[in-house]
Amino acid sequence: MKVTASHILVNQEFEANDLLKKLSDGAEFEALARDFSECPSGKDGGSLGEFGKGMMVPSFEKAAFALLPGEVSGIVRTQFGFHLIKRIK
C-alpha cells in the first residue's frame, strides 16, 4: 500500500499550532506550506509524492497512513521537527 501526501515542517510546536488555527480558519494547506515549511518540499506546496511503508520515519508514516484522503493530521513530532501532514490519496 502507498499513500500520496504533503506536509508542513516547522521547528517549534507553537508554530504548528498556529498553522492548525490558520487551517481551521480556511487557509489553504499548500499556501501555508510554501510560506512556512522548513522542508525543501515547501516550495512545491509541501508535496512528498507517493511513498510506501518503510520509507518515512515511523511516527510520520503511522500518521500519514492513518489519514483518509483530504484529511490533515494533528501535530506529529519527529527528530526533524513538528509536521502537519495532508493525505492526498
N, C-alpha and C. Protein backbone atom coordinates (compact mmCIF):
# COMPACT_ATOMS: atom_id res chain seq x y z
N MET A 1 0.83 -1.19 0.00
CA MET A 1 0.00 0.00 0.00
C MET A 1 0.88 1.25 0.00
N LYS A 2 0.44 2.24 -0.76
CA LYS A 2 1.15 3.51 -0.81
C LYS A 2 0.17 4.64 -0.59
N VAL A 3 0.69 5.76 -0.12
CA VAL A 3 -0.10 6.98 0.03
C VAL A 3 0.62 8.11 -0.68
N THR A 4 -0.13 9.13 -1.01
CA THR A 4 0.42 10.37 -1.53
C THR A 4 0.10 11.44 -0.49
N ALA A 5 1.10 12.18 -0.08
CA ALA A 5 0.89 13.15 0.99
C ALA A 5 1.75 14.39 0.81
N SER A 6 1.34 15.43 1.51
CA SER A 6 2.09 16.67 1.61
C SER A 6 2.30 16.96 3.09
N HIS A 7 3.26 17.80 3.40
CA HIS A 7 3.45 18.16 4.80
C HIS A 7 3.99 19.57 4.94
N ILE A 8 3.85 20.06 6.16
CA ILE A 8 4.46 21.33 6.56
C ILE A 8 5.35 20.99 7.74
N LEU A 9 6.59 21.38 7.68
CA LEU A 9 7.56 21.13 8.75
C LEU A 9 7.97 22.45 9.38
N VAL A 10 7.82 22.53 10.70
CA VAL A 10 8.28 23.71 11.44
C VAL A 10 9.13 23.26 12.62
N ASN A 11 9.86 24.19 13.20
CA ASN A 11 10.80 23.85 14.27
C ASN A 11 10.18 23.84 15.67
N GLN A 12 9.10 24.58 15.86
CA GLN A 12 8.52 24.73 17.19
C GLN A 12 7.05 24.29 17.19
N GLU A 13 6.63 23.69 18.31
CA GLU A 13 5.24 23.22 18.40
C GLU A 13 4.25 24.38 18.31
N PHE A 14 4.58 25.54 18.88
CA PHE A 14 3.64 26.67 18.80
C PHE A 14 3.41 27.10 17.36
N GLU A 15 4.42 26.95 16.50
CA GLU A 15 4.25 27.29 15.09
C GLU A 15 3.24 26.34 14.44
N ALA A 16 3.35 25.05 14.77
CA ALA A 16 2.42 24.07 14.23
C ALA A 16 1.00 24.36 14.71
N ASN A 17 0.86 24.74 15.97
CA ASN A 17 -0.47 25.10 16.50
C ASN A 17 -1.03 26.32 15.77
N ASP A 18 -0.19 27.30 15.51
CA ASP A 18 -0.63 28.48 14.76
C ASP A 18 -1.11 28.09 13.36
N LEU A 19 -0.40 27.16 12.73
CA LEU A 19 -0.80 26.72 11.38
C LEU A 19 -2.11 25.94 11.42
N LEU A 20 -2.31 25.12 12.45
CA LEU A 20 -3.58 24.41 12.59
C LEU A 20 -4.74 25.41 12.70
N LYS A 21 -4.52 26.49 13.44
CA LYS A 21 -5.56 27.51 13.56
C LYS A 21 -5.83 28.17 12.22
N LYS A 22 -4.78 28.47 11.48
CA LYS A 22 -4.95 29.08 10.16
C LYS A 22 -5.74 28.13 9.24
N LEU A 23 -5.44 26.83 9.31
CA LEU A 23 -6.18 25.86 8.50
C LEU A 23 -7.66 25.83 8.90
N SER A 24 -7.92 25.85 10.20
CA SER A 24 -9.32 25.82 10.65
C SER A 24 -10.05 27.11 10.27
N ASP A 25 -9.30 28.18 10.07
CA ASP A 25 -9.90 29.45 9.64
C ASP A 25 -10.04 29.54 8.11
N GLY A 26 -9.65 28.46 7.41
CA GLY A 26 -9.86 28.41 5.96
C GLY A 26 -8.64 28.60 5.09
N ALA A 27 -7.45 28.71 5.68
CA ALA A 27 -6.24 28.85 4.85
C ALA A 27 -5.98 27.57 4.06
N GLU A 28 -5.35 27.71 2.91
CA GLU A 28 -5.00 26.55 2.08
C GLU A 28 -3.72 25.92 2.57
N PHE A 29 -3.74 24.60 2.70
CA PHE A 29 -2.58 23.84 3.18
C PHE A 29 -1.35 24.15 2.32
N GLU A 30 -1.52 24.10 1.01
CA GLU A 30 -0.39 24.27 0.10
C GLU A 30 0.22 25.66 0.23
N ALA A 31 -0.62 26.68 0.41
CA ALA A 31 -0.10 28.05 0.57
C ALA A 31 0.67 28.18 1.88
N LEU A 32 0.15 27.56 2.94
CA LEU A 32 0.86 27.59 4.22
C LEU A 32 2.20 26.87 4.12
N ALA A 33 2.22 25.76 3.39
CA ALA A 33 3.48 25.02 3.20
C ALA A 33 4.50 25.91 2.49
N ARG A 34 4.07 26.59 1.44
CA ARG A 34 5.00 27.47 0.70
C ARG A 34 5.52 28.59 1.59
N ASP A 35 4.67 29.12 2.45
CA ASP A 35 5.05 30.27 3.26
C ASP A 35 5.81 29.92 4.54
N PHE A 36 5.56 28.73 5.12
CA PHE A 36 6.09 28.46 6.45
C PHE A 36 6.95 27.21 6.60
N SER A 37 6.86 26.26 5.67
CA SER A 37 7.57 25.00 5.87
C SER A 37 9.08 25.17 5.79
N GLU A 38 9.78 24.48 6.69
CA GLU A 38 11.25 24.48 6.71
C GLU A 38 11.82 23.42 5.75
N CYS A 39 10.95 22.56 5.23
CA CYS A 39 11.39 21.49 4.33
C CYS A 39 11.48 22.02 2.90
N PRO A 40 12.46 21.55 2.12
CA PRO A 40 12.53 21.97 0.72
C PRO A 40 11.25 21.69 -0.06
N SER A 41 10.45 20.71 0.37
CA SER A 41 9.19 20.41 -0.31
C SER A 41 8.19 21.56 -0.20
N GLY A 42 8.42 22.48 0.73
CA GLY A 42 7.52 23.61 0.90
C GLY A 42 7.31 24.40 -0.37
N LYS A 43 8.35 24.55 -1.17
CA LYS A 43 8.23 25.32 -2.41
C LYS A 43 7.25 24.67 -3.38
N ASP A 44 7.00 23.37 -3.20
CA ASP A 44 6.04 22.63 -4.03
C ASP A 44 4.73 22.42 -3.28
N GLY A 45 4.40 23.30 -2.35
CA GLY A 45 3.18 23.16 -1.57
C GLY A 45 3.23 22.04 -0.56
N GLY A 46 4.45 21.59 -0.24
CA GLY A 46 4.64 20.53 0.75
C GLY A 46 4.58 19.13 0.19
N SER A 47 4.45 18.99 -1.12
CA SER A 47 4.26 17.68 -1.73
C SER A 47 5.45 16.74 -1.51
N LEU A 48 5.14 15.55 -0.98
CA LEU A 48 6.14 14.50 -0.82
C LEU A 48 5.96 13.41 -1.85
N GLY A 49 4.94 13.52 -2.67
CA GLY A 49 4.65 12.50 -3.67
C GLY A 49 4.12 11.23 -3.01
N GLU A 50 4.33 10.13 -3.70
CA GLU A 50 3.83 8.83 -3.23
C GLU A 50 4.94 8.10 -2.49
N PHE A 51 4.57 7.43 -1.39
CA PHE A 51 5.54 6.63 -0.65
C PHE A 51 4.85 5.44 -0.02
N GLY A 52 5.65 4.41 0.22
CA GLY A 52 5.15 3.19 0.83
C GLY A 52 5.67 3.03 2.24
N LYS A 53 5.24 1.96 2.86
CA LYS A 53 5.67 1.69 4.23
C LYS A 53 7.18 1.47 4.27
N GLY A 54 7.81 1.98 5.33
CA GLY A 54 9.25 1.83 5.50
C GLY A 54 10.07 2.94 4.86
N MET A 55 9.41 3.90 4.21
CA MET A 55 10.15 4.96 3.53
C MET A 55 10.26 6.24 4.34
N MET A 56 9.45 6.37 5.38
CA MET A 56 9.46 7.57 6.23
C MET A 56 9.74 7.15 7.67
N VAL A 57 10.08 8.10 8.53
CA VAL A 57 10.30 7.76 9.94
C VAL A 57 8.98 7.23 10.52
N PRO A 58 9.04 6.30 11.49
CA PRO A 58 7.84 5.60 11.95
C PRO A 58 6.67 6.48 12.39
N SER A 59 6.90 7.52 13.17
CA SER A 59 5.77 8.32 13.65
C SER A 59 5.10 9.08 12.50
N PHE A 60 5.89 9.54 11.54
CA PHE A 60 5.35 10.23 10.37
C PHE A 60 4.53 9.26 9.53
N GLU A 61 5.11 8.09 9.28
CA GLU A 61 4.45 7.08 8.47
C GLU A 61 3.13 6.64 9.09
N LYS A 62 3.14 6.39 10.39
CA LYS A 62 1.93 5.95 11.09
C LYS A 62 0.82 6.98 10.92
N ALA A 63 1.15 8.25 11.10
CA ALA A 63 0.15 9.31 10.96
C ALA A 63 -0.36 9.42 9.52
N ALA A 64 0.54 9.37 8.55
CA ALA A 64 0.15 9.52 7.15
C ALA A 64 -0.78 8.39 6.71
N PHE A 65 -0.47 7.16 7.10
CA PHE A 65 -1.28 6.02 6.69
C PHE A 65 -2.62 5.96 7.43
N ALA A 66 -2.73 6.64 8.56
CA ALA A 66 -3.99 6.64 9.32
C ALA A 66 -5.00 7.65 8.77
N LEU A 67 -4.54 8.58 7.95
CA LEU A 67 -5.43 9.61 7.40
C LEU A 67 -6.24 9.09 6.22
N LEU A 68 -7.40 9.66 6.04
CA LEU A 68 -8.18 9.43 4.83
C LEU A 68 -7.79 10.51 3.82
N PRO A 69 -7.96 10.24 2.52
CA PRO A 69 -7.64 11.28 1.54
C PRO A 69 -8.37 12.59 1.85
N GLY A 70 -7.60 13.69 1.83
CA GLY A 70 -8.13 15.00 2.12
C GLY A 70 -7.99 15.42 3.57
N GLU A 71 -7.72 14.47 4.45
CA GLU A 71 -7.58 14.80 5.87
C GLU A 71 -6.20 15.37 6.19
N VAL A 72 -6.17 16.20 7.24
CA VAL A 72 -4.92 16.76 7.76
C VAL A 72 -4.73 16.22 9.17
N SER A 73 -3.51 15.82 9.46
CA SER A 73 -3.18 15.27 10.78
C SER A 73 -3.14 16.35 11.84
N GLY A 74 -3.10 15.92 13.07
CA GLY A 74 -2.69 16.80 14.15
C GLY A 74 -1.18 16.95 14.06
N ILE A 75 -0.59 17.50 15.08
CA ILE A 75 0.86 17.71 15.09
C ILE A 75 1.57 16.38 15.30
N VAL A 76 2.54 16.12 14.42
CA VAL A 76 3.34 14.90 14.50
C VAL A 76 4.78 15.32 14.74
N ARG A 77 5.34 14.86 15.85
CA ARG A 77 6.73 15.22 16.17
C ARG A 77 7.67 14.12 15.70
N THR A 78 8.74 14.53 15.04
CA THR A 78 9.81 13.61 14.65
C THR A 78 11.14 14.27 15.03
N GLN A 79 12.23 13.60 14.72
CA GLN A 79 13.54 14.19 15.00
C GLN A 79 13.81 15.41 14.12
N PHE A 80 12.99 15.62 13.09
CA PHE A 80 13.18 16.76 12.19
C PHE A 80 12.43 18.00 12.65
N GLY A 81 11.43 17.81 13.50
CA GLY A 81 10.62 18.94 13.96
C GLY A 81 9.17 18.52 14.11
N PHE A 82 8.28 19.47 13.83
CA PHE A 82 6.85 19.27 14.00
C PHE A 82 6.18 19.35 12.64
N HIS A 83 5.41 18.32 12.32
CA HIS A 83 4.79 18.20 11.00
C HIS A 83 3.28 18.30 11.09
N LEU A 84 2.69 18.87 10.05
CA LEU A 84 1.28 18.70 9.74
C LEU A 84 1.27 17.95 8.42
N ILE A 85 0.51 16.89 8.35
CA ILE A 85 0.50 16.02 7.17
C ILE A 85 -0.88 16.05 6.55
N LYS A 86 -0.92 16.20 5.23
CA LYS A 86 -2.18 16.12 4.50
C LYS A 86 -2.08 14.94 3.52
N ARG A 87 -3.00 14.00 3.68
CA ARG A 87 -3.03 12.87 2.74
C ARG A 87 -3.78 13.31 1.48
N ILE A 88 -3.16 13.10 0.36
CA ILE A 88 -3.76 13.46 -0.92
C ILE A 88 -4.56 12.28 -1.48
N LYS A 89 -3.91 11.10 -1.52
CA LYS A 89 -4.62 9.87 -1.91
C LYS A 89 -3.90 8.66 -1.38
